[in-house]
Amino acid sequence: DKWRDSAVNITRVLEVLINFPYDNKMLELAEVPLNKELENYFKGYFESVKKSDTSNKGLIDLSIGNDKNKVAIELKLSRKLKLANESQKCRGQIEDYKKQFGSNLILVVAGEKLDRQEKYVQECIKKSDSLGIKSFFMQVR
């Protein structure tokens, strides 16, 4: 049975996200196909899952639920965030999305475990923390 929109909250989304079967094959994927994998996975648990919701100021990667209960997910690849300009772009985006979604936003960084320590990856995670936004580092199990 799927969670209805009225039951969507950030805790439930994170609980589902933690069990996403991220593997070595997915590690090779670009952001768009990985986002598609996440979308299909979330559709097994939640009633409403939409990708790149254009009702927003920018293009958020995924949104789960509707209206007040909407939880937004911004997906980034750690191999990209290691680059200064991509890291800067990410920090700007989450700042914008924060204005729109408040704390109903999750920054998901996907990649190699070691990337987590990279300076520019850390800067995005710290920015997210400072804004009160949850971040989740998705690594191969």
N, C-alpha and C. Protein backbone atom coordinates (compact mmCIF):
# COMPACT_ATOMS: atom_id res chain seq x y z
N ASP A 1 0.83 -1.20 0.00
CA ASP A 1 0.00 0.00 0.00
C ASP A 1 0.87 1.26 0.00
N LYS A 2 0.52 2.23 -0.83
CA LYS A 2 1.33 3.45 -0.95
C LYS A 2 0.89 4.52 0.05
N TRP A 3 1.85 5.38 0.42
CA TRP A 3 1.51 6.53 1.26
C TRP A 3 0.69 7.51 0.43
N ARG A 4 -0.43 7.94 0.97
CA ARG A 4 -1.22 8.98 0.31
C ARG A 4 -0.53 10.32 0.49
N ASP A 5 -0.91 11.29 -0.33
CA ASP A 5 -0.29 12.62 -0.26
C ASP A 5 -0.39 13.22 1.14
N SER A 6 -1.52 12.99 1.80
CA SER A 6 -1.73 13.60 3.11
C SER A 6 -0.78 13.02 4.17
N ALA A 7 -0.20 11.86 3.87
CA ALA A 7 0.70 11.20 4.84
C ALA A 7 2.18 11.45 4.53
N VAL A 8 2.43 12.20 3.47
CA VAL A 8 3.82 12.45 3.08
C VAL A 8 4.48 13.40 4.06
N ASN A 9 5.66 13.02 4.55
CA ASN A 9 6.48 13.96 5.31
C ASN A 9 7.94 13.59 5.08
N ILE A 10 8.82 14.47 5.47
CA ILE A 10 10.24 14.32 5.17
C ILE A 10 10.82 13.04 5.81
N THR A 11 10.32 12.68 6.98
CA THR A 11 10.82 11.48 7.66
C THR A 11 10.50 10.23 6.84
N ARG A 12 9.28 10.14 6.34
CA ARG A 12 8.90 8.97 5.52
C ARG A 12 9.69 8.91 4.23
N VAL A 13 9.90 10.07 3.62
CA VAL A 13 10.68 10.11 2.37
C VAL A 13 12.11 9.64 2.64
N LEU A 14 12.70 10.11 3.73
CA LEU A 14 14.07 9.69 4.08
C LEU A 14 14.14 8.19 4.40
N GLU A 15 13.13 7.68 5.08
CA GLU A 15 13.11 6.24 5.41
C GLU A 15 13.11 5.39 4.14
N VAL A 16 12.37 5.84 3.12
CA VAL A 16 12.32 5.11 1.85
C VAL A 16 13.65 5.29 1.11
N LEU A 17 14.16 6.50 1.12
CA LEU A 17 15.41 6.82 0.43
C LEU A 17 16.60 5.99 0.94
N ILE A 18 16.66 5.79 2.24
CA ILE A 18 17.75 5.04 2.85
C ILE A 18 17.87 3.63 2.27
N ASN A 19 16.73 3.06 1.85
CA ASN A 19 16.75 1.70 1.31
C ASN A 19 16.86 1.61 -0.21
N PHE A 20 17.07 2.75 -0.86
CA PHE A 20 17.22 2.75 -2.31
C PHE A 20 18.43 1.87 -2.69
N PRO A 21 18.23 0.91 -3.61
CA PRO A 21 19.31 -0.03 -3.94
C PRO A 21 20.37 0.55 -4.88
N TYR A 22 21.09 1.53 -4.39
CA TYR A 22 22.13 2.19 -5.19
C TYR A 22 23.32 1.23 -5.32
N ASP A 23 23.71 0.94 -6.56
CA ASP A 23 24.79 -0.03 -6.77
C ASP A 23 25.85 0.49 -7.74
N ASN A 24 26.86 -0.33 -8.00
CA ASN A 24 27.96 0.08 -8.88
C ASN A 24 27.51 0.47 -10.28
N LYS A 25 26.48 -0.21 -10.79
CA LYS A 25 25.97 0.13 -12.13
C LYS A 25 25.40 1.54 -12.13
N MET A 26 24.68 1.87 -11.06
CA MET A 26 24.06 3.20 -10.97
C MET A 26 25.09 4.30 -10.77
N LEU A 27 26.22 3.93 -10.20
CA LEU A 27 27.31 4.88 -9.97
C LEU A 27 27.75 5.52 -11.28
N GLU A 28 27.63 4.76 -12.37
CA GLU A 28 28.04 5.23 -13.70
C GLU A 28 27.02 6.18 -14.34
N LEU A 29 25.79 6.17 -13.82
CA LEU A 29 24.72 6.94 -14.46
C LEU A 29 24.91 8.44 -14.33
N ALA A 30 24.43 9.15 -15.36
CA ALA A 30 24.37 10.61 -15.29
C ALA A 30 23.16 10.97 -14.41
N GLU A 31 23.03 12.25 -14.11
CA GLU A 31 21.99 12.70 -13.19
C GLU A 31 20.57 12.36 -13.66
N VAL A 32 20.29 12.58 -14.95
CA VAL A 32 18.92 12.37 -15.44
C VAL A 32 18.48 10.90 -15.34
N PRO A 33 19.28 9.95 -15.84
CA PRO A 33 18.85 8.56 -15.67
C PRO A 33 18.80 8.10 -14.21
N LEU A 34 19.69 8.62 -13.38
CA LEU A 34 19.65 8.25 -11.95
C LEU A 34 18.37 8.81 -11.31
N ASN A 35 18.01 10.01 -11.71
CA ASN A 35 16.79 10.63 -11.21
C ASN A 35 15.57 9.77 -11.59
N LYS A 36 15.61 9.22 -12.80
CA LYS A 36 14.52 8.34 -13.29
C LYS A 36 14.43 7.08 -12.41
N GLU A 37 15.58 6.51 -12.07
CA GLU A 37 15.61 5.33 -11.18
C GLU A 37 14.97 5.67 -9.83
N LEU A 38 15.35 6.83 -9.29
CA LEU A 38 14.79 7.26 -8.01
C LEU A 38 13.28 7.47 -8.12
N GLU A 39 12.87 8.10 -9.21
CA GLU A 39 11.44 8.37 -9.42
C GLU A 39 10.66 7.05 -9.43
N ASN A 40 11.12 6.08 -10.20
CA ASN A 40 10.43 4.80 -10.29
C ASN A 40 10.39 4.09 -8.94
N TYR A 41 11.48 4.19 -8.22
CA TYR A 41 11.57 3.58 -6.89
C TYR A 41 10.55 4.21 -5.93
N PHE A 42 10.52 5.55 -5.91
CA PHE A 42 9.59 6.26 -5.01
C PHE A 42 8.13 5.98 -5.37
N LYS A 43 7.87 5.75 -6.67
CA LYS A 43 6.49 5.48 -7.11
C LYS A 43 5.95 4.19 -6.49
N GLY A 44 6.83 3.33 -6.04
CA GLY A 44 6.40 2.11 -5.37
C GLY A 44 5.91 2.38 -3.95
N TYR A 45 6.19 3.56 -3.41
CA TYR A 45 5.87 3.87 -2.01
C TYR A 45 4.90 5.02 -1.83
N PHE A 46 4.90 5.96 -2.80
CA PHE A 46 4.10 7.17 -2.65
C PHE A 46 3.15 7.35 -3.83
N GLU A 47 2.01 7.94 -3.52
CA GLU A 47 0.97 8.19 -4.52
C GLU A 47 1.42 9.17 -5.60
N SER A 48 1.96 10.31 -5.18
CA SER A 48 2.38 11.33 -6.15
C SER A 48 3.88 11.52 -6.15
N VAL A 49 4.49 11.22 -7.28
CA VAL A 49 5.93 11.45 -7.45
C VAL A 49 6.09 12.10 -8.82
N LYS A 50 6.67 13.29 -8.82
CA LYS A 50 6.85 13.99 -10.10
C LYS A 50 8.30 14.38 -10.28
N LYS A 51 8.75 14.33 -11.53
CA LYS A 51 10.12 14.78 -11.73
C LYS A 51 10.13 16.15 -12.37
N SER A 52 11.22 16.86 -12.14
CA SER A 52 11.39 18.26 -12.55
C SER A 52 10.08 19.01 -12.67
N ASP A 53 9.61 19.37 -11.52
CA ASP A 53 8.38 20.11 -11.35
C ASP A 53 8.62 21.55 -11.80
N THR A 54 8.02 21.95 -12.91
CA THR A 54 8.29 23.28 -13.46
C THR A 54 7.43 24.37 -12.84
N SER A 55 6.58 24.00 -11.89
CA SER A 55 5.79 25.05 -11.23
C SER A 55 6.72 25.83 -10.30
N ASN A 56 7.96 25.42 -10.26
CA ASN A 56 8.92 26.05 -9.35
C ASN A 56 9.71 27.13 -10.07
N LYS A 57 10.42 27.90 -9.29
CA LYS A 57 11.28 28.94 -9.86
C LYS A 57 12.38 28.28 -10.68
N GLY A 58 12.87 27.15 -10.17
CA GLY A 58 13.87 26.41 -10.94
C GLY A 58 13.29 25.06 -11.22
N LEU A 59 14.12 24.15 -11.63
CA LEU A 59 13.66 22.80 -11.88
C LEU A 59 14.14 21.89 -10.77
N ILE A 60 13.25 21.58 -9.85
CA ILE A 60 13.62 20.67 -8.78
C ILE A 60 13.62 19.26 -9.39
N ASP A 61 14.52 18.39 -8.95
CA ASP A 61 14.65 17.08 -9.58
C ASP A 61 13.45 16.17 -9.35
N LEU A 62 12.97 16.10 -8.12
CA LEU A 62 11.82 15.24 -7.82
C LEU A 62 10.97 15.90 -6.75
N SER A 63 9.66 15.71 -6.84
CA SER A 63 8.81 16.13 -5.74
C SER A 63 7.86 15.00 -5.41
N ILE A 64 7.64 14.83 -4.12
CA ILE A 64 6.80 13.75 -3.61
C ILE A 64 5.68 14.38 -2.82
N GLY A 65 4.46 13.93 -3.09
CA GLY A 65 3.31 14.51 -2.41
C GLY A 65 2.84 15.78 -3.10
N ASN A 66 1.91 16.45 -2.48
CA ASN A 66 1.33 17.66 -3.08
C ASN A 66 1.11 18.74 -2.04
N ASP A 67 0.98 19.97 -2.54
CA ASP A 67 0.64 21.11 -1.69
C ASP A 67 1.55 21.25 -0.46
N LYS A 68 0.92 21.40 0.70
CA LYS A 68 1.68 21.63 1.94
C LYS A 68 2.63 20.48 2.25
N ASN A 69 2.23 19.27 1.83
CA ASN A 69 3.00 18.09 2.19
C ASN A 69 4.08 17.74 1.17
N LYS A 70 4.27 18.61 0.20
CA LYS A 70 5.24 18.28 -0.84
C LYS A 70 6.66 18.26 -0.29
N VAL A 71 7.39 17.19 -0.58
CA VAL A 71 8.80 17.10 -0.21
C VAL A 71 9.60 17.12 -1.51
N ALA A 72 10.56 18.03 -1.58
CA ALA A 72 11.35 18.17 -2.80
C ALA A 72 12.72 17.52 -2.62
N ILE A 73 13.21 16.93 -3.70
CA ILE A 73 14.53 16.30 -3.68
C ILE A 73 15.39 16.93 -4.77
N GLU A 74 16.55 17.40 -4.37
CA GLU A 74 17.53 17.90 -5.34
C GLU A 74 18.65 16.87 -5.37
N LEU A 75 18.87 16.30 -6.54
CA LEU A 75 19.87 15.24 -6.71
C LEU A 75 21.15 15.80 -7.32
N LYS A 76 22.27 15.45 -6.72
CA LYS A 76 23.57 15.86 -7.27
C LYS A 76 24.50 14.65 -7.29
N LEU A 77 25.39 14.63 -8.26
CA LEU A 77 26.40 13.57 -8.32
C LEU A 77 27.67 14.09 -7.67
N SER A 78 28.23 13.30 -6.77
CA SER A 78 29.42 13.78 -6.05
C SER A 78 30.59 14.02 -7.02
N ARG A 79 30.66 13.23 -8.09
CA ARG A 79 31.79 13.42 -9.03
C ARG A 79 31.72 14.80 -9.71
N LYS A 80 30.50 15.35 -9.80
CA LYS A 80 30.34 16.69 -10.36
C LYS A 80 30.60 17.76 -9.30
N LEU A 81 30.07 17.50 -8.09
CA LEU A 81 30.21 18.49 -7.01
C LEU A 81 31.66 18.71 -6.59
N LYS A 82 32.55 17.81 -7.01
CA LYS A 82 33.97 17.99 -6.69
C LYS A 82 34.54 19.20 -7.43
N LEU A 83 33.80 19.67 -8.44
CA LEU A 83 34.25 20.83 -9.21
C LEU A 83 33.70 22.10 -8.57
N ALA A 84 34.56 23.09 -8.43
CA ALA A 84 34.18 24.34 -7.74
C ALA A 84 32.90 24.97 -8.31
N ASN A 85 32.81 25.07 -9.65
CA ASN A 85 31.65 25.75 -10.24
C ASN A 85 30.35 24.99 -10.02
N GLU A 86 30.40 23.65 -10.05
CA GLU A 86 29.20 22.83 -9.81
C GLU A 86 28.77 22.95 -8.35
N SER A 87 29.76 23.00 -7.47
CA SER A 87 29.49 23.13 -6.04
C SER A 87 28.80 24.47 -5.77
N GLN A 88 29.31 25.50 -6.41
CA GLN A 88 28.74 26.84 -6.25
C GLN A 88 27.30 26.89 -6.76
N LYS A 89 27.07 26.25 -7.91
CA LYS A 89 25.73 26.20 -8.51
C LYS A 89 24.77 25.50 -7.54
N CYS A 90 25.22 24.39 -6.96
CA CYS A 90 24.41 23.63 -6.02
C CYS A 90 24.03 24.48 -4.82
N ARG A 91 25.00 25.21 -4.28
CA ARG A 91 24.73 26.04 -3.11
C ARG A 91 23.70 27.12 -3.41
N GLY A 92 23.79 27.69 -4.61
CA GLY A 92 22.82 28.70 -5.03
C GLY A 92 21.42 28.11 -5.20
N GLN A 93 21.38 26.92 -5.81
CA GLN A 93 20.08 26.26 -6.03
C GLN A 93 19.38 25.93 -4.72
N ILE A 94 20.12 25.35 -3.78
CA ILE A 94 19.43 24.96 -2.55
C ILE A 94 18.97 26.19 -1.76
N GLU A 95 19.68 27.28 -1.92
CA GLU A 95 19.24 28.51 -1.27
C GLU A 95 17.91 28.98 -1.87
N ASP A 96 17.80 28.91 -3.20
CA ASP A 96 16.55 29.27 -3.88
C ASP A 96 15.41 28.33 -3.50
N TYR A 97 15.69 27.04 -3.52
CA TYR A 97 14.66 26.05 -3.23
C TYR A 97 14.19 26.13 -1.78
N LYS A 98 15.11 26.53 -0.91
CA LYS A 98 14.77 26.68 0.51
C LYS A 98 13.64 27.71 0.66
N LYS A 99 13.73 28.80 -0.13
CA LYS A 99 12.69 29.85 -0.08
C LYS A 99 11.33 29.28 -0.47
N GLN A 100 11.37 28.30 -1.35
CA GLN A 100 10.13 27.74 -1.85
C GLN A 100 9.59 26.58 -1.02
N PHE A 101 10.46 25.71 -0.61
CA PHE A 101 10.02 24.48 0.07
C PHE A 101 10.27 24.49 1.58
N GLY A 102 10.95 25.53 2.05
CA GLY A 102 11.29 25.57 3.47
C GLY A 102 12.15 24.37 3.82
N SER A 103 11.84 23.71 4.93
CA SER A 103 12.69 22.59 5.31
C SER A 103 12.21 21.28 4.68
N ASN A 104 11.20 21.34 3.80
CA ASN A 104 10.73 20.13 3.10
C ASN A 104 11.55 19.86 1.84
N LEU A 105 12.85 19.89 2.04
CA LEU A 105 13.77 19.74 0.92
C LEU A 105 14.90 18.82 1.37
N ILE A 106 15.28 17.90 0.48
CA ILE A 106 16.40 17.01 0.78
C ILE A 106 17.43 17.13 -0.34
N LEU A 107 18.66 17.40 0.04
CA LEU A 107 19.76 17.40 -0.92
C LEU A 107 20.32 15.97 -0.92
N VAL A 108 20.20 15.28 -2.05
CA VAL A 108 20.75 13.93 -2.16
C VAL A 108 22.01 14.00 -3.01
N VAL A 109 23.11 13.58 -2.41
CA VAL A 109 24.39 13.54 -3.13
C VAL A 109 24.71 12.07 -3.33
N ALA A 110 24.86 11.67 -4.61
CA ALA A 110 25.11 10.27 -4.92
C ALA A 110 26.52 10.07 -5.44
N GLY A 111 27.19 9.05 -4.94
CA GLY A 111 28.52 8.77 -5.46
C GLY A 111 29.37 7.85 -4.61
N GLU A 112 30.65 7.88 -4.91
CA GLU A 112 31.63 7.06 -4.21
C GLU A 112 31.77 7.54 -2.77
N LYS A 113 31.92 6.60 -1.87
CA LYS A 113 32.07 6.91 -0.45
C LYS A 113 33.17 7.95 -0.21
N LEU A 114 34.30 7.80 -0.90
CA LEU A 114 35.44 8.71 -0.69
C LEU A 114 35.15 10.15 -1.10
N ASP A 115 34.25 10.32 -2.06
CA ASP A 115 33.92 11.67 -2.53
C ASP A 115 33.34 12.53 -1.42
N ARG A 116 32.75 11.89 -0.44
CA ARG A 116 32.10 12.61 0.65
C ARG A 116 33.06 13.57 1.34
N GLN A 117 34.34 13.21 1.38
CA GLN A 117 35.36 14.03 2.05
C GLN A 117 35.88 15.19 1.19
N GLU A 118 35.55 15.16 -0.10
CA GLU A 118 36.06 16.20 -1.00
C GLU A 118 35.61 17.59 -0.55
N LYS A 119 36.51 18.54 -0.67
CA LYS A 119 36.27 19.90 -0.21
C LYS A 119 34.95 20.49 -0.74
N TYR A 120 34.75 20.44 -2.05
CA TYR A 120 33.57 21.11 -2.62
C TYR A 120 32.28 20.34 -2.37
N VAL A 121 32.38 19.03 -2.17
CA VAL A 121 31.21 18.24 -1.80
C VAL A 121 30.80 18.64 -0.38
N GLN A 122 31.81 18.72 0.49
CA GLN A 122 31.59 19.14 1.87
C GLN A 122 30.94 20.52 1.95
N GLU A 123 31.38 21.44 1.08
CA GLU A 123 30.82 22.80 1.10
C GLU A 123 29.32 22.79 0.83
N CYS A 124 28.88 21.91 -0.08
CA CYS A 124 27.43 21.82 -0.36
C CYS A 124 26.67 21.25 0.82
N ILE A 125 27.25 20.23 1.44
CA ILE A 125 26.61 19.60 2.59
C ILE A 125 26.54 20.58 3.76
N LYS A 126 27.63 21.35 3.96
CA LYS A 126 27.64 22.35 5.04
C LYS A 126 26.62 23.46 4.77
N LYS A 127 26.51 23.86 3.51
CA LYS A 127 25.54 24.89 3.13
C LYS A 127 24.13 24.41 3.44
N SER A 128 23.88 23.18 3.08
CA SER A 128 22.59 22.57 3.33
C SER A 128 22.29 22.55 4.83
N ASP A 129 23.27 22.13 5.64
CA ASP A 129 23.11 22.12 7.10
C ASP A 129 22.81 23.52 7.63
N SER A 130 23.56 24.50 7.13
CA SER A 130 23.39 25.86 7.64
C SER A 130 22.01 26.43 7.30
N LEU A 131 21.39 25.92 6.23
CA LEU A 131 20.05 26.37 5.85
C LEU A 131 18.95 25.56 6.54
N GLY A 132 19.37 24.55 7.31
CA GLY A 132 18.39 23.68 7.96
C GLY A 132 17.75 22.70 7.00
N ILE A 133 18.50 22.35 5.94
CA ILE A 133 18.00 21.41 4.94
C ILE A 133 18.70 20.07 5.15
N LYS A 134 17.93 19.00 5.11
CA LYS A 134 18.52 17.68 5.28
C LYS A 134 19.34 17.31 4.05
N SER A 135 20.48 16.69 4.30
CA SER A 135 21.24 16.17 3.16
C SER A 135 21.44 14.68 3.39
N PHE A 136 21.54 13.97 2.31
CA PHE A 136 21.71 12.52 2.38
C PHE A 136 22.77 12.11 1.38
N PHE A 137 23.82 11.48 1.85
CA PHE A 137 24.87 11.02 0.95
C PHE A 137 24.58 9.57 0.59
N MET A 138 24.28 9.35 -0.68
CA MET A 138 23.91 8.02 -1.14
C MET A 138 25.14 7.35 -1.75
N GLN A 139 25.59 6.28 -1.10
CA GLN A 139 26.78 5.61 -1.61
C GLN A 139 26.47 4.15 -1.88
N VAL A 140 27.34 3.55 -2.69
CA VAL A 140 27.17 2.15 -3.03
C VAL A 140 27.30 1.31 -1.77
N ARG A 141 26.37 0.38 -1.61
CA ARG A 141 26.39 -0.47 -0.40
C ARG A 141 27.47 -1.51 -0.51
